Amino acid sequence: MLIKEVCEKCKLTKKAIDYYESKNLIHPQILENGYREFSDADISALKEISVLRKCGISIADIAEILTSSNKPAALAKCKYITDLRM
């Protein structure tokens, strides 16, 4: 799936998607023509990132959550830390 379709499907701007890619949260395949091909896993990650950002979770914490083998525990840890900051 190319960037325009991804923007529509995830309801994100191209700038936001570029930013998440620059932070290594997603890893689209680069085609011969330089276009990026986004996988279903990238789409899923972008939707998850969008929800987590709306909840006020930082990019660093999102990176930890996305790479965690135990997502519920990682989410609980982030919630605990966020609650402490308030």
C-alpha atoms as a PDB file:
ATOM      1  CA  MET A   1       0.000   0.000   0.000  1.00  0.00           C
ATOM      2  CA  LEU A   2       1.406   3.413  -0.918  1.00  0.00           C
ATOM      3  CA  ILE A   3       1.481   6.535   1.262  1.00  0.00           C
ATOM      4  CA  LYS A   4      -1.737   8.133  -0.044  1.00  0.00           C
ATOM      5  CA  GLU A   5      -3.765   5.013   0.747  1.00  0.00           C
ATOM      6  CA  VAL A   6      -2.087   4.690   4.141  1.00  0.00           C
ATOM      7  CA  CYS A   7      -2.963   8.299   5.012  1.00  0.00           C
ATOM      8  CA  GLU A   8      -6.609   7.655   4.168  1.00  0.00           C
ATOM      9  CA  LYS A   9      -6.795   4.287   5.917  1.00  0.00           C
ATOM     10  CA  CYS A  10      -5.054   5.417   9.125  1.00  0.00           C
ATOM     11  CA  LYS A  11      -6.433   8.972   9.131  1.00  0.00           C
ATOM     12  CA  LEU A  12      -2.918  10.374   9.530  1.00  0.00           C
ATOM     13  CA  THR A  13      -1.022  13.002   7.581  1.00  0.00           C
ATOM     14  CA  LYS A  14       1.964  12.185   5.395  1.00  0.00           C
ATOM     15  CA  LYS A  15       4.051  14.319   7.749  1.00  0.00           C
ATOM     16  CA  ALA A  16       2.986  12.219  10.760  1.00  0.00           C
ATOM     17  CA  ILE A  17       3.763   8.974   8.948  1.00  0.00           C
ATOM     18  CA  ASP A  18       7.165  10.322   7.863  1.00  0.00           C
ATOM     19  CA  TYR A  19       7.857  11.287  11.487  1.00  0.00           C
ATOM     20  CA  TYR A  20       6.946   7.845  12.830  1.00  0.00           C
ATOM     21  CA  GLU A  21       9.171   6.282  10.189  1.00  0.00           C
ATOM     22  CA  SER A  22      12.049   8.606  11.162  1.00  0.00           C
ATOM     23  CA  LYS A  23      11.631   7.398  14.760  1.00  0.00           C
ATOM     24  CA  ASN A  24      11.862   3.776  13.525  1.00  0.00           C
ATOM     25  CA  LEU A  25       8.340   2.932  14.678  1.00  0.00           C
ATOM     26  CA  ILE A  26       7.464   1.567  11.239  1.00  0.00           C
ATOM     27  CA  HIS A  27       9.647   0.046   8.529  1.00  0.00           C
ATOM     28  CA  PRO A  28       8.080   0.247   5.060  1.00  0.00           C
ATOM     29  CA  GLN A  29       9.803  -1.464   2.161  1.00  0.00           C
ATOM     30  CA  ILE A  30      11.531   0.913  -0.277  1.00  0.00           C
ATOM     31  CA  LEU A  31      10.710   0.021  -3.883  1.00  0.00           C
ATOM     32  CA  GLU A  32      13.084   0.427  -6.852  1.00  0.00           C
ATOM     33  CA  ASN A  33      11.399   3.696  -7.810  1.00  0.00           C
ATOM     34  CA  GLY A  34      11.954   5.090  -4.285  1.00  0.00           C
ATOM     35  CA  TYR A  35       8.320   4.772  -3.257  1.00  0.00           C
ATOM     36  CA  ARG A  36       7.534   3.218   0.094  1.00  0.00           C
ATOM     37  CA  GLU A  37       5.366   0.112   0.276  1.00  0.00           C
ATOM     38  CA  PHE A  38       3.572  -0.218   3.609  1.00  0.00           C
ATOM     39  CA  SER A  39       2.723  -3.698   4.870  1.00  0.00           C
ATOM     40  CA  ASP A  40      -0.313  -4.744   6.876  1.00  0.00           C
ATOM     41  CA  ALA A  41       1.983  -4.776   9.931  1.00  0.00           C
ATOM     42  CA  ASP A  42       2.932  -1.128   9.247  1.00  0.00           C
ATOM     43  CA  ILE A  43      -0.761  -0.190   8.959  1.00  0.00           C
ATOM     44  CA  SER A  44      -1.551  -1.966  12.214  1.00  0.00           C
ATOM     45  CA  ALA A  45       1.369  -0.246  13.963  1.00  0.00           C
ATOM     46  CA  LEU A  46       0.282   3.173  12.658  1.00  0.00           C
ATOM     47  CA  LYS A  47      -3.250   2.671  13.958  1.00  0.00           C
ATOM     48  CA  GLU A  48      -1.858   1.608  17.336  1.00  0.00           C
ATOM     49  CA  ILE A  49       0.533   4.596  17.393  1.00  0.00           C
ATOM     50  CA  SER A  50      -2.349   6.949  16.613  1.00  0.00           C
ATOM     51  CA  VAL A  51      -4.424   5.667  19.537  1.00  0.00           C
ATOM     52  CA  LEU A  52      -1.477   5.764  21.944  1.00  0.00           C
ATOM     53  CA  ARG A  53      -0.551   9.340  20.924  1.00  0.00           C
ATOM     54  CA  LYS A  54      -4.161  10.432  21.511  1.00  0.00           C
ATOM     55  CA  CYS A  55      -3.780   8.987  25.026  1.00  0.00           C
ATOM     56  CA  GLY A  56      -0.744  11.212  25.567  1.00  0.00           C
ATOM     57  CA  ILE A  57       1.878   8.470  25.477  1.00  0.00           C
ATOM     58  CA  SER A  58       5.339   9.622  24.364  1.00  0.00           C
ATOM     59  CA  ILE A  59       7.104   8.390  21.250  1.00  0.00           C
ATOM     60  CA  ALA A  60       9.793   6.733  23.406  1.00  0.00           C
ATOM     61  CA  ASP A  61       7.145   4.843  25.371  1.00  0.00           C
ATOM     62  CA  ILE A  62       5.339   3.870  22.173  1.00  0.00           C
ATOM     63  CA  ALA A  63       8.593   2.468  20.781  1.00  0.00           C
ATOM     64  CA  GLU A  64       8.953   0.382  23.931  1.00  0.00           C
ATOM     65  CA  ILE A  65       5.362  -0.853  23.671  1.00  0.00           C
ATOM     66  CA  LEU A  66       5.664  -1.768  19.980  1.00  0.00           C
ATOM     67  CA  THR A  67       8.840  -3.785  20.534  1.00  0.00           C
ATOM     68  CA  SER A  68       7.710  -5.428  23.759  1.00  0.00           C
ATOM     69  CA  SER A  69       6.990  -9.135  23.773  1.00  0.00           C
ATOM     70  CA  ASN A  70       4.444  -8.476  26.543  1.00  0.00           C
ATOM     71  CA  LYS A  71       2.334  -5.533  25.345  1.00  0.00           C
ATOM     72  CA  PRO A  72      -0.146  -5.579  28.248  1.00  0.00           C
ATOM     73  CA  ALA A  73       2.716  -5.257  30.747  1.00  0.00           C
ATOM     74  CA  ALA A  74       4.370  -2.500  28.702  1.00  0.00           C
ATOM     75  CA  LEU A  75       1.067  -0.597  28.475  1.00  0.00           C
ATOM     76  CA  ALA A  76       0.497  -0.969  32.220  1.00  0.00           C
ATOM     77  CA  LYS A  77       3.991   0.371  32.903  1.00  0.00           C
ATOM     78  CA  CYS A  78       3.390   3.393  30.638  1.00  0.00           C
ATOM     79  CA  LYS A  79       0.033   4.067  32.280  1.00  0.00           C
ATOM     80  CA  TYR A  80       1.648   3.900  35.717  1.00  0.00           C
ATOM     81  CA  ILE A  81       4.406   6.329  34.699  1.00  0.00           C
ATOM     82  CA  THR A  82       1.883   8.670  33.061  1.00  0.00           C
ATOM     83  CA  ASP A  83      -0.265   8.620  36.206  1.00  0.00           C
ATOM     84  CA  LEU A  84       2.776   9.506  38.322  1.00  0.00           C
ATOM     85  CA  ARG A  85       3.490  12.547  36.131  1.00  0.00           C
ATOM     86  CA  MET A  86      -0.008  13.952  36.704  1.00  0.00           C
END
